[in-house]
């Protein structure tokens, strides 16, 4: 990941509704959530939600998957991993024990 891609992802997550959408999709896992249901769950107007989803998709943080006539959105964990890796790229400066608390905090306990 380069600096501009990281900035795009961070800007996408820097807006409250988009952050809520991303967290909702992370919780949903591989099944994702239909677009209309995302708007319903978060109490957002459908066309506004569509714009938010487009920003997240463009930033590489979510992806749309067609399921018959429904479009489901799923958190793109590869994009998220790449963002975390970029942010931690220069972590530790040769002292891995400094990064261990961060790594433990982001490690799934499921």
PDB file of N, CA and C in Angstrom:
ATOM      1  N   UNK A   1       0.857  -1.174   0.000  1.00  0.00           N
ATOM      2  CA  UNK A   1       0.000   0.000   0.000  1.00  0.00           C
ATOM      3  C   UNK A   1       0.895   1.227   0.000  1.00  0.00           C
ATOM      4  N   UNK A   2       0.473   2.222  -0.745  1.00  0.00           N
ATOM      5  CA  UNK A   2       1.227   3.469  -0.764  1.00  0.00           C
ATOM      6  C   UNK A   2       0.510   4.531   0.075  1.00  0.00           C
ATOM      7  N   UNK A   3       1.168   5.659   0.220  1.00  0.00           N
ATOM      8  CA  UNK A   3       0.648   6.734   1.062  1.00  0.00           C
ATOM      9  C   UNK A   3      -0.734   7.210   0.611  1.00  0.00           C
ATOM     10  N   UNK A   4      -0.931   7.410  -0.704  1.00  0.00           N
ATOM     11  CA  UNK A   4      -2.215   7.919  -1.198  1.00  0.00           C
ATOM     12  C   UNK A   4      -3.346   6.933  -0.957  1.00  0.00           C
ATOM     13  N   UNK A   5      -3.076   5.654  -1.116  1.00  0.00           N
ATOM     14  CA  UNK A   5      -4.100   4.633  -0.861  1.00  0.00           C
ATOM     15  C   UNK A   5      -4.444   4.608   0.626  1.00  0.00           C
ATOM     16  N   UNK A   6      -3.432   4.718   1.476  1.00  0.00           N
ATOM     17  CA  UNK A   6      -3.674   4.753   2.922  1.00  0.00           C
ATOM     18  C   UNK A   6      -4.503   5.975   3.300  1.00  0.00           C
ATOM     19  N   UNK A   7      -4.184   7.117   2.711  1.00  0.00           N
ATOM     20  CA  UNK A   7      -4.948   8.338   2.998  1.00  0.00           C
ATOM     21  C   UNK A   7      -6.405   8.197   2.562  1.00  0.00           C
ATOM     22  N   UNK A   8      -6.625   7.550   1.435  1.00  0.00           N
ATOM     23  CA  UNK A   8      -7.981   7.318   0.944  1.00  0.00           C
ATOM     24  C   UNK A   8      -8.767   6.457   1.933  1.00  0.00           C
ATOM     25  N   UNK A   9      -8.138   5.391   2.423  1.00  0.00           N
ATOM     26  CA  UNK A   9      -8.789   4.501   3.386  1.00  0.00           C
ATOM     27  C   UNK A   9      -9.049   5.213   4.707  1.00  0.00           C
ATOM     28  N   UNK A  10      -8.074   5.948   5.180  1.00  0.00           N
ATOM     29  CA  UNK A  10      -8.251   6.659   6.450  1.00  0.00           C
ATOM     30  C   UNK A  10      -9.327   7.732   6.341  1.00  0.00           C
ATOM     31  N   UNK A  11      -9.372   8.421   5.211  1.00  0.00           N
ATOM     32  CA  UNK A  11     -10.418   9.436   5.006  1.00  0.00           C
ATOM     33  C   UNK A  11     -11.795   8.777   4.975  1.00  0.00           C
ATOM     34  N   UNK A  12     -11.893   7.609   4.359  1.00  0.00           N
ATOM     35  CA  UNK A  12     -13.173   6.893   4.302  1.00  0.00           C
ATOM     36  C   UNK A  12     -13.634   6.526   5.704  1.00  0.00           C
ATOM     37  N   UNK A  13     -12.723   6.085   6.538  1.00  0.00           N
ATOM     38  CA  UNK A  13     -13.070   5.693   7.904  1.00  0.00           C
ATOM     39  C   UNK A  13     -13.191   6.888   8.845  1.00  0.00           C
ATOM     40  N   UNK A  14     -12.771   8.063   8.385  1.00  0.00           N
ATOM     41  CA  UNK A  14     -12.807   9.263   9.207  1.00  0.00           C
ATOM     42  C   UNK A  14     -14.164   9.936   9.261  1.00  0.00           C
ATOM     43  N   UNK A  15     -15.169   9.304   8.720  1.00  0.00           N
ATOM     44  CA  UNK A  15     -16.536   9.839   8.758  1.00  0.00           C
ATOM     45  C   UNK A  15     -17.376   8.869   9.590  1.00  0.00           C
ATOM     46  N   UNK A  16     -18.187   9.373  10.483  1.00  0.00           N
ATOM     47  CA  UNK A  16     -18.893   8.552  11.461  1.00  0.00           C
ATOM     48  C   UNK A  16     -19.736   7.422  10.891  1.00  0.00           C
ATOM     49  N   UNK A  17     -20.572   7.715   9.915  1.00  0.00           N
ATOM     50  CA  UNK A  17     -21.441   6.681   9.354  1.00  0.00           C
ATOM     51  C   UNK A  17     -20.628   5.604   8.659  1.00  0.00           C
ATOM     52  N   UNK A  18     -19.607   6.008   7.911  1.00  0.00           N
ATOM     53  CA  UNK A  18     -18.784   5.017   7.211  1.00  0.00           C
ATOM     54  C   UNK A  18     -18.035   4.133   8.194  1.00  0.00           C
ATOM     55  N   UNK A  19     -17.566   4.704   9.293  1.00  0.00           N
ATOM     56  CA  UNK A  19     -16.908   3.902  10.317  1.00  0.00           C
ATOM     57  C   UNK A  19     -17.889   2.880  10.896  1.00  0.00           C
ATOM     58  N   UNK A  20     -19.126   3.310  11.155  1.00  0.00           N
ATOM     59  CA  UNK A  20     -20.147   2.388  11.665  1.00  0.00           C
ATOM     60  C   UNK A  20     -20.436   1.275  10.657  1.00  0.00           C
ATOM     61  N   UNK A  21     -20.514   1.622   9.381  1.00  0.00           N
ATOM     62  CA  UNK A  21     -20.760   0.628   8.334  1.00  0.00           C
ATOM     63  C   UNK A  21     -19.634  -0.392   8.319  1.00  0.00           C
ATOM     64  N   UNK A  22     -18.399   0.092   8.334  1.00  0.00           N
ATOM     65  CA  UNK A  22     -17.264  -0.826   8.288  1.00  0.00           C
ATOM     66  C   UNK A  22     -17.270  -1.760   9.493  1.00  0.00           C
ATOM     67  N   UNK A  23     -17.514  -1.232  10.672  1.00  0.00           N
ATOM     68  CA  UNK A  23     -17.555  -2.071  11.882  1.00  0.00           C
ATOM     69  C   UNK A  23     -18.701  -3.078  11.812  1.00  0.00           C
ATOM     70  N   UNK A  24     -19.843  -2.666  11.283  1.00  0.00           N
ATOM     71  CA  UNK A  24     -20.974  -3.580  11.103  1.00  0.00           C
ATOM     72  C   UNK A  24     -20.585  -4.730  10.174  1.00  0.00           C
ATOM     73  N   UNK A  25     -19.918  -4.400   9.079  1.00  0.00           N
ATOM     74  CA  UNK A  25     -19.529  -5.431   8.112  1.00  0.00           C
ATOM     75  C   UNK A  25     -18.447  -6.349   8.663  1.00  0.00           C
ATOM     76  N   UNK A  26     -17.552  -5.812   9.471  1.00  0.00           N
ATOM     77  CA  UNK A  26     -16.540  -6.664  10.111  1.00  0.00           C
ATOM     78  C   UNK A  26     -17.224  -7.664  11.025  1.00  0.00           C
ATOM     79  N   UNK A  27     -18.212  -7.203  11.793  1.00  0.00           N
ATOM     80  CA  UNK A  27     -18.948  -8.103  12.688  1.00  0.00           C
ATOM     81  C   UNK A  27     -19.725  -9.156  11.902  1.00  0.00           C
ATOM     82  N   UNK A  28     -20.249  -8.782  10.741  1.00  0.00           N
ATOM     83  CA  UNK A  28     -21.047  -9.706   9.930  1.00  0.00           C
ATOM     84  C   UNK A  28     -20.206 -10.819   9.323  1.00  0.00           C
ATOM     85  N   UNK A  29     -18.926 -10.575   9.143  1.00  0.00           N
ATOM     86  CA  UNK A  29     -18.043 -11.600   8.595  1.00  0.00           C
ATOM     87  C   UNK A  29     -18.280 -11.842   7.114  1.00  0.00           C
ATOM     88  N   UNK A  30     -17.973 -13.063   6.689  1.00  0.00           N
ATOM     89  CA  UNK A  30     -18.010 -13.425   5.261  1.00  0.00           C
ATOM     90  C   UNK A  30     -19.408 -13.377   4.660  1.00  0.00           C
ATOM     91  N   UNK A  31     -20.442 -13.459   5.471  1.00  0.00           N
ATOM     92  CA  UNK A  31     -21.818 -13.407   4.956  1.00  0.00           C
ATOM     93  C   UNK A  31     -22.191 -12.016   4.477  1.00  0.00           C
ATOM     94  N   UNK A  32     -21.564 -10.996   5.052  1.00  0.00           N
ATOM     95  CA  UNK A  32     -21.879  -9.629   4.669  1.00  0.00           C
ATOM     96  C   UNK A  32     -23.294  -9.244   5.053  1.00  0.00           C
ATOM     97  N   UNK A  33     -23.733  -8.101   4.541  1.00  0.00           N
ATOM     98  CA  UNK A  33     -25.060  -7.564   4.851  1.00  0.00           C
ATOM     99  C   UNK A  33     -25.606  -6.924   3.571  1.00  0.00           C
ATOM    100  N   UNK A  34     -26.882  -7.199   3.246  1.00  0.00           N
ATOM    101  CA  UNK A  34     -27.481  -6.542   2.077  1.00  0.00           C
ATOM    102  C   UNK A  34     -27.490  -5.022   2.252  1.00  0.00           C
ATOM    103  N   UNK A  35     -27.318  -4.315   1.145  1.00  0.00           N
ATOM    104  CA  UNK A  35     -27.219  -2.853   1.177  1.00  0.00           C
ATOM    105  C   UNK A  35     -28.400  -2.209   1.909  1.00  0.00           C
ATOM    106  N   UNK A  36     -29.606  -2.622   1.590  1.00  0.00           N
ATOM    107  CA  UNK A  36     -30.783  -2.038   2.222  1.00  0.00           C
ATOM    108  C   UNK A  36     -30.829  -2.275   3.720  1.00  0.00           C
ATOM    109  N   UNK A  37     -30.352  -3.444   4.139  1.00  0.00           N
ATOM    110  CA  UNK A  37     -30.339  -3.766   5.567  1.00  0.00           C
ATOM    111  C   UNK A  37     -29.312  -2.912   6.313  1.00  0.00           C
ATOM    112  N   UNK A  38     -28.202  -2.598   5.660  1.00  0.00           N
ATOM    113  CA  UNK A  38     -27.196  -1.731   6.288  1.00  0.00           C
ATOM    114  C   UNK A  38     -27.836  -0.379   6.599  1.00  0.00           C
ATOM    115  N   UNK A  39     -28.528   0.182   5.615  1.00  0.00           N
ATOM    116  CA  UNK A  39     -29.196   1.475   5.811  1.00  0.00           C
ATOM    117  C   UNK A  39     -30.212   1.388   6.933  1.00  0.00           C
ATOM    118  N   UNK A  40     -30.983   0.308   6.961  1.00  0.00           N
ATOM    119  CA  UNK A  40     -32.000   0.119   7.999  1.00  0.00           C
ATOM    120  C   UNK A  40     -31.380   0.040   9.383  1.00  0.00           C
ATOM    121  N   UNK A  41     -30.374  -0.791   9.512  1.00  0.00           N
ATOM    122  CA  UNK A  41     -29.738  -0.994  10.817  1.00  0.00           C
ATOM    123  C   UNK A  41     -29.133   0.287  11.370  1.00  0.00           C
ATOM    124  N   UNK A  42     -28.609   1.117  10.469  1.00  0.00           N
ATOM    125  CA  UNK A  42     -27.951   2.335  10.926  1.00  0.00           C
ATOM    126  C   UNK A  42     -28.850   3.563  10.862  1.00  0.00           C
ATOM    127  N   UNK A  43     -30.108   3.369  10.444  1.00  0.00           N
ATOM    128  CA  UNK A  43     -31.062   4.469  10.406  1.00  0.00           C
ATOM    129  C   UNK A  43     -30.668   5.556   9.425  1.00  0.00           C
ATOM    130  N   UNK A  44     -30.182   5.129   8.260  1.00  0.00           N
ATOM    131  CA  UNK A  44     -29.722   6.074   7.241  1.00  0.00           C
ATOM    132  C   UNK A  44     -30.569   5.926   5.988  1.00  0.00           C
ATOM    133  N   UNK A  45     -30.779   7.017   5.291  1.00  0.00           N
ATOM    134  CA  UNK A  45     -31.520   7.001   4.035  1.00  0.00           C
ATOM    135  C   UNK A  45     -30.741   6.171   3.014  1.00  0.00           C
ATOM    136  N   UNK A  46     -31.471   5.382   2.216  1.00  0.00           N
ATOM    137  CA  UNK A  46     -30.868   4.446   1.267  1.00  0.00           C
ATOM    138  C   UNK A  46     -29.868   5.105   0.308  1.00  0.00           C
ATOM    139  N   UNK A  47     -30.222   6.236  -0.299  1.00  0.00           N
ATOM    140  CA  UNK A  47     -29.306   6.848  -1.271  1.00  0.00           C
ATOM    141  C   UNK A  47     -28.058   7.420  -0.599  1.00  0.00           C
ATOM    142  N   UNK A  48     -28.201   7.898   0.633  1.00  0.00           N
ATOM    143  CA  UNK A  48     -27.040   8.373   1.386  1.00  0.00           C
ATOM    144  C   UNK A  48     -26.122   7.206   1.708  1.00  0.00           C
ATOM    145  N   UNK A  49     -26.721   6.067   2.096  1.00  0.00           N
ATOM    146  CA  UNK A  49     -25.927   4.881   2.408  1.00  0.00           C
ATOM    147  C   UNK A  49     -25.191   4.397   1.169  1.00  0.00           C
ATOM    148  N   UNK A  50     -25.836   4.472   0.042  1.00  0.00           N
ATOM    149  CA  UNK A  50     -25.206   4.070  -1.208  1.00  0.00           C
ATOM    150  C   UNK A  50     -23.937   4.884  -1.461  1.00  0.00           C
ATOM    151  N   UNK A  51     -23.993   6.171  -1.191  1.00  0.00           N
ATOM    152  CA  UNK A  51     -22.823   7.036  -1.367  1.00  0.00           C
ATOM    153  C   UNK A  51     -21.706   6.645  -0.399  1.00  0.00           C
ATOM    154  N   UNK A  52     -22.068   6.349   0.849  1.00  0.00           N
ATOM    155  CA  UNK A  52     -21.071   5.928   1.838  1.00  0.00           C
ATOM    156  C   UNK A  52     -20.413   4.608   1.423  1.00  0.00           C
ATOM    157  N   UNK A  53     -21.225   3.668   0.951  1.00  0.00           N
ATOM    158  CA  UNK A  53     -20.694   2.371   0.526  1.00  0.00           C
ATOM    159  C   UNK A  53     -19.755   2.521  -0.667  1.00  0.00           C
ATOM    160  N   UNK A  54     -20.079   3.443  -1.548  1.00  0.00           N
ATOM    161  CA  UNK A  54     -19.224   3.684  -2.715  1.00  0.00           C
ATOM    162  C   UNK A  54     -17.858   4.212  -2.275  1.00  0.00           C
ATOM    163  N   UNK A  55     -17.836   5.104  -1.298  1.00  0.00           N
ATOM    164  CA  UNK A  55     -16.573   5.650  -0.786  1.00  0.00           C
ATOM    165  C   UNK A  55     -15.735   4.532  -0.163  1.00  0.00           C
ATOM    166  N   UNK A  56     -16.375   3.690   0.647  1.00  0.00           N
ATOM    167  CA  UNK A  56     -15.661   2.581   1.286  1.00  0.00           C
ATOM    168  C   UNK A  56     -15.149   1.574   0.261  1.00  0.00           C
ATOM    169  N   UNK A  57     -15.953   1.332  -0.767  1.00  0.00           N
ATOM    170  CA  UNK A  57     -15.547   0.416  -1.832  1.00  0.00           C
ATOM    171  C   UNK A  57     -14.348   0.988  -2.586  1.00  0.00           C
ATOM    172  N   UNK A  58     -14.431   2.257  -2.937  1.00  0.00           N
ATOM    173  CA  UNK A  58     -13.340   2.923  -3.656  1.00  0.00           C
ATOM    174  C   UNK A  58     -12.049   2.917  -2.835  1.00  0.00           C
ATOM    175  N   UNK A  59     -12.172   2.960  -1.513  1.00  0.00           N
ATOM    176  CA  UNK A  59     -11.012   2.951  -0.619  1.00  0.00           C
ATOM    177  C   UNK A  59     -10.464   1.543  -0.401  1.00  0.00           C
ATOM    178  N   UNK A  60     -11.148   0.533  -0.934  1.00  0.00           N
ATOM    179  CA  UNK A  60     -10.668  -0.844  -0.795  1.00  0.00           C
ATOM    180  C   UNK A  60     -10.985  -1.477   0.545  1.00  0.00           C
ATOM    181  N   UNK A  61     -11.975  -0.939   1.257  1.00  0.00           N
ATOM    182  CA  UNK A  61     -12.314  -1.459   2.578  1.00  0.00           C
ATOM    183  C   UNK A  61     -13.547  -2.358   2.588  1.00  0.00           C
ATOM    184  N   UNK A  62     -14.378  -2.245   1.567  1.00  0.00           N
ATOM    185  CA  UNK A  62     -15.530  -3.137   1.428  1.00  0.00           C
ATOM    186  C   UNK A  62     -15.625  -3.554  -0.033  1.00  0.00           C
ATOM    187  N   UNK A  63     -16.376  -4.618  -0.268  1.00  0.00           N
ATOM    188  CA  UNK A  63     -16.636  -5.025  -1.645  1.00  0.00           C
ATOM    189  C   UNK A  63     -18.087  -5.466  -1.751  1.00  0.00           C
ATOM    190  N   UNK A  64     -18.645  -5.247  -2.928  1.00  0.00           N
ATOM    191  CA  UNK A  64     -20.031  -5.619  -3.204  1.00  0.00           C
ATOM    192  C   UNK A  64     -20.038  -7.000  -3.847  1.00  0.00           C
ATOM    193  N   UNK A  65     -20.978  -7.831  -3.417  1.00  0.00           N
ATOM    194  CA  UNK A  65     -21.148  -9.160  -3.995  1.00  0.00           C
ATOM    195  C   UNK A  65     -22.613  -9.325  -4.362  1.00  0.00           C
ATOM    196  N   UNK A  66     -22.865  -9.702  -5.604  1.00  0.00           N
ATOM    197  CA  UNK A  66     -24.238  -9.906  -6.055  1.00  0.00           C
ATOM    198  C   UNK A  66     -24.719 -11.265  -5.556  1.00  0.00           C
ATOM    199  N   UNK A  67     -25.920 -11.260  -4.983  1.00  0.00           N
ATOM    200  CA  UNK A  67     -26.567 -12.478  -4.482  1.00  0.00           C
ATOM    201  C   UNK A  67     -27.975 -12.472  -5.073  1.00  0.00           C
ATOM    202  N   UNK A  68     -28.099 -12.981  -6.313  1.00  0.00           N
ATOM    203  CA  UNK A  68     -29.378 -12.900  -7.022  1.00  0.00           C
ATOM    204  C   UNK A  68     -29.667 -11.447  -7.343  1.00  0.00           C
ATOM    205  N   UNK A  69     -30.792 -10.950  -6.841  1.00  0.00           N
ATOM    206  CA  UNK A  69     -31.163  -9.550  -7.085  1.00  0.00           C
ATOM    207  C   UNK A  69     -30.651  -8.617  -6.000  1.00  0.00           C
ATOM    208  N   UNK A  70     -30.007  -9.187  -4.998  1.00  0.00           N
ATOM    209  CA  UNK A  70     -29.540  -8.414  -3.854  1.00  0.00           C
ATOM    210  C   UNK A  70     -28.037  -8.165  -3.961  1.00  0.00           C
ATOM    211  N   UNK A  71     -27.620  -6.997  -3.531  1.00  0.00           N
ATOM    212  CA  UNK A  71     -26.183  -6.712  -3.430  1.00  0.00           C
ATOM    213  C   UNK A  71     -25.824  -6.726  -1.951  1.00  0.00           C
ATOM    214  N   UNK A  72     -24.909  -7.615  -1.612  1.00  0.00           N
ATOM    215  CA  UNK A  72     -24.427  -7.737  -0.239  1.00  0.00           C
ATOM    216  C   UNK A  72     -23.065  -7.058  -0.163  1.00  0.00           C
ATOM    217  N   UNK A  73     -22.816  -6.391   0.919  1.00  0.00           N
ATOM    218  CA  UNK A  73     -21.513  -5.780   1.134  1.00  0.00           C
ATOM    219  C   UNK A  73     -20.775  -6.556   2.211  1.00  0.00           C
ATOM    220  N   UNK A  74     -19.479  -6.732   1.976  1.00  0.00           N
ATOM    221  CA  UNK A  74     -18.615  -7.501   2.866  1.00  0.00           C
ATOM    222  C   UNK A  74     -17.379  -6.646   3.154  1.00  0.00           C
ATOM    223  N   UNK A  75     -16.913  -6.687   4.390  1.00  0.00           N
ATOM    224  CA  UNK A  75     -15.664  -5.992   4.715  1.00  0.00           C
ATOM    225  C   UNK A  75     -14.528  -6.664   3.947  1.00  0.00           C
ATOM    226  N   UNK A  76     -13.708  -5.872   3.291  1.00  0.00           N
ATOM    227  CA  UNK A  76     -12.552  -6.401   2.567  1.00  0.00           C
ATOM    228  C   UNK A  76     -11.390  -6.466   3.553  1.00  0.00           C
ATOM    229  N   UNK A  77     -11.205  -7.636   4.131  1.00  0.00           N
ATOM    230  CA  UNK A  77     -10.202  -7.791   5.169  1.00  0.00           C
ATOM    231  C   UNK A  77      -8.778  -7.683   4.615  1.00  0.00           C
ATOM    232  N   UNK A  78      -8.607  -7.970   3.333  1.00  0.00           N
ATOM    233  CA  UNK A  78      -7.285  -7.793   2.730  1.00  0.00           C
ATOM    234  C   UNK A  78      -6.932  -6.307   2.677  1.00  0.00           C
ATOM    235  N   UNK A  79      -7.891  -5.486   2.266  1.00  0.00           N
ATOM    236  CA  UNK A  79      -7.657  -4.041   2.241  1.00  0.00           C
ATOM    237  C   UNK A  79      -7.388  -3.495   3.634  1.00  0.00           C
ATOM    238  N   UNK A  80      -8.135  -3.999   4.610  1.00  0.00           N
ATOM    239  CA  UNK A  80      -7.960  -3.561   5.989  1.00  0.00           C
ATOM    240  C   UNK A  80      -6.592  -4.007   6.515  1.00  0.00           C
ATOM    241  N   UNK A  81      -6.216  -5.245   6.213  1.00  0.00           N
ATOM    242  CA  UNK A  81      -4.907  -5.757   6.628  1.00  0.00           C
ATOM    243  C   UNK A  81      -3.786  -4.908   6.015  1.00  0.00           C
ATOM    244  N   UNK A  82      -3.942  -4.575   4.732  1.00  0.00           N
ATOM    245  CA  UNK A  82      -2.929  -3.758   4.066  1.00  0.00           C
ATOM    246  C   UNK A  82      -2.803  -2.381   4.713  1.00  0.00           C
ATOM    247  N   UNK A  83      -3.930  -1.813   5.135  1.00  0.00           N
ATOM    248  CA  UNK A  83      -3.901  -0.523   5.817  1.00  0.00           C
ATOM    249  C   UNK A  83      -3.168  -0.647   7.152  1.00  0.00           C
ATOM    250  N   UNK A  84      -3.498  -1.660   7.934  1.00  0.00           N
ATOM    251  CA  UNK A  84      -2.816  -1.863   9.218  1.00  0.00           C
ATOM    252  C   UNK A  84      -1.324  -2.098   9.009  1.00  0.00           C
ATOM    253  N   UNK A  85      -0.980  -2.894   8.003  1.00  0.00           N
ATOM    254  CA  UNK A  85       0.431  -3.173   7.722  1.00  0.00           C
ATOM    255  C   UNK A  85       1.155  -1.882   7.345  1.00  0.00           C
ATOM    256  N   UNK A  86       0.510  -1.035   6.543  1.00  0.00           N
ATOM    257  CA  UNK A  86       1.122   0.244   6.162  1.00  0.00           C
ATOM    258  C   UNK A  86       1.359   1.112   7.404  1.00  0.00           C
ATOM    259  N   UNK A  87       0.358   1.171   8.271  1.00  0.00           N
ATOM    260  CA  UNK A  87       0.477   2.009   9.459  1.00  0.00           C
ATOM    261  C   UNK A  87       1.574   1.510  10.403  1.00  0.00           C
ATOM    262  N   UNK A  88       1.797   0.203  10.403  1.00  0.00           N
ATOM    263  CA  UNK A  88       2.782  -0.373  11.322  1.00  0.00           C
ATOM    264  C   UNK A  88       4.106  -0.703  10.638  1.00  0.00           C
ATOM    265  N   UNK A  89       4.234  -0.322   9.392  1.00  0.00           N
ATOM    266  CA  UNK A  89       5.410  -0.666   8.585  1.00  0.00           C
ATOM    267  C   UNK A  89       6.731  -0.333   9.274  1.00  0.00           C
ATOM    268  N   UNK A  90       6.814   0.791   9.899  1.00  0.00           N
ATOM    269  CA  UNK A  90       8.064   1.213  10.533  1.00  0.00           C
ATOM    270  C   UNK A  90       8.011   1.064  12.051  1.00  0.00           C
ATOM    271  N   UNK A  91       7.066   0.275  12.504  1.00  0.00           N
ATOM    272  CA  UNK A  91       6.884   0.063  13.942  1.00  0.00           C
ATOM    273  C   UNK A  91       8.112  -0.619  14.538  1.00  0.00           C
ATOM    274  N   UNK A  92       8.371  -0.337  15.726  1.00  0.00           N
ATOM    275  CA  UNK A  92       9.355  -1.021  16.563  1.00  0.00           C
ATOM    276  C   UNK A  92      10.792  -0.548  16.384  1.00  0.00           C
ATOM    277  N   UNK A  93      11.155  -0.163  15.168  1.00  0.00           N
ATOM    278  CA  UNK A  93      12.525   0.283  14.940  1.00  0.00           C
ATOM    279  C   UNK A  93      13.537  -0.702  15.516  1.00  0.00           C
ATOM    280  N   UNK A  94      13.285  -1.991  15.243  1.00  0.00           N
ATOM    281  CA  UNK A  94      14.203  -3.033  15.708  1.00  0.00           C
ATOM    282  C   UNK A  94      13.911  -3.542  17.101  1.00  0.00           C
ATOM    283  N   UNK A  95      12.826  -3.083  17.716  1.00  0.00           N
ATOM    284  CA  UNK A  95      12.456  -3.546  19.063  1.00  0.00           C
ATOM    285  C   UNK A  95      11.033  -4.105  19.016  1.00  0.00           C
ATOM    286  N   UNK A  96      10.862  -5.363  18.571  1.00  0.00           N
ATOM    287  CA  UNK A  96       9.530  -5.934  18.370  1.00  0.00           C
ATOM    288  C   UNK A  96       8.634  -5.928  19.603  1.00  0.00           C
ATOM    289  N   UNK A  97       9.219  -5.888  20.785  1.00  0.00           N
ATOM    290  CA  UNK A  97       8.396  -5.873  21.999  1.00  0.00           C
ATOM    291  C   UNK A  97       7.538  -4.614  22.083  1.00  0.00           C
ATOM    292  N   UNK A  98       7.933  -3.553  21.387  1.00  0.00           N
ATOM    293  CA  UNK A  98       7.139  -2.324  21.384  1.00  0.00           C
ATOM    294  C   UNK A  98       5.829  -2.500  20.622  1.00  0.00           C
ATOM    295  N   UNK A  99       5.826  -3.344  19.604  1.00  0.00           N
ATOM    296  CA  UNK A  99       4.631  -3.552  18.782  1.00  0.00           C
ATOM    297  C   UNK A  99       3.730  -4.658  19.317  1.00  0.00           C
ATOM    298  N   UNK A 100       4.236  -5.495  20.177  1.00  0.00           N
ATOM    299  CA  UNK A 100       3.463  -6.651  20.642  1.00  0.00           C
ATOM    300  C   UNK A 100       2.098  -6.277  21.226  1.00  0.00           C
ATOM    301  N   UNK A 101       1.984  -5.244  22.057  1.00  0.00           N
ATOM    302  CA  UNK A 101       0.653  -4.891  22.577  1.00  0.00           C
ATOM    303  C   UNK A 101      -0.346  -4.533  21.464  1.00  0.00           C
ATOM    304  N   UNK A 102       0.130  -3.861  20.427  1.00  0.00           N
ATOM    305  CA  UNK A 102      -0.747  -3.508  19.312  1.00  0.00           C
ATOM    306  C   UNK A 102      -1.182  -4.764  18.571  1.00  0.00           C
ATOM    307  N   UNK A 103      -0.241  -5.644  18.308  1.00  0.00           N
ATOM    308  CA  UNK A 103      -0.555  -6.890  17.601  1.00  0.00           C
ATOM    309  C   UNK A 103      -1.551  -7.722  18.402  1.00  0.00           C
ATOM    310  N   UNK A 104      -1.358  -7.808  19.704  1.00  0.00           N
ATOM    311  CA  UNK A 104      -2.302  -8.552  20.546  1.00  0.00           C
ATOM    312  C   UNK A 104      -3.684  -7.913  20.533  1.00  0.00           C
ATOM    313  N   UNK A 105      -3.740  -6.592  20.510  1.00  0.00           N
ATOM    314  CA  UNK A 105      -5.019  -5.888  20.524  1.00  0.00           C
ATOM    315  C   UNK A 105      -5.820  -6.117  19.243  1.00  0.00           C
ATOM    316  N   UNK A 106      -5.145  -6.291  18.104  1.00  0.00           N
ATOM    317  CA  UNK A 106      -5.852  -6.460  16.853  1.00  0.00           C
ATOM    318  C   UNK A 106      -6.013  -7.919  16.445  1.00  0.00           C
ATOM    319  N   UNK A 107      -5.491  -8.833  17.259  1.00  0.00           N
ATOM    320  CA  UNK A 107      -5.623 -10.251  16.962  1.00  0.00           C
ATOM    321  C   UNK A 107      -6.996 -10.731  17.383  1.00  0.00           C
ATOM    322  N   UNK A 108      -7.670 -11.405  16.458  1.00  0.00           N
ATOM    323  CA  UNK A 108      -9.007 -11.931  16.725  1.00  0.00           C
ATOM    324  C   UNK A 108      -8.949 -12.977  17.819  1.00  0.00           C
ATOM    325  N   UNK A 109      -9.868 -12.877  18.753  1.00  0.00           N
ATOM    326  CA  UNK A 109      -9.923 -13.844  19.857  1.00  0.00           C
ATOM    327  C   UNK A 109     -11.052 -14.854  19.668  1.00  0.00           C
ATOM    328  N   UNK A 110     -11.490 -15.009  18.398  1.00  0.00           N
ATOM    329  CA  UNK A 110     -12.612 -15.912  18.153  1.00  0.00           C
ATOM    330  C   UNK A 110     -12.142 -17.316  17.796  1.00  0.00           C
TER     331      UNK A 110
END
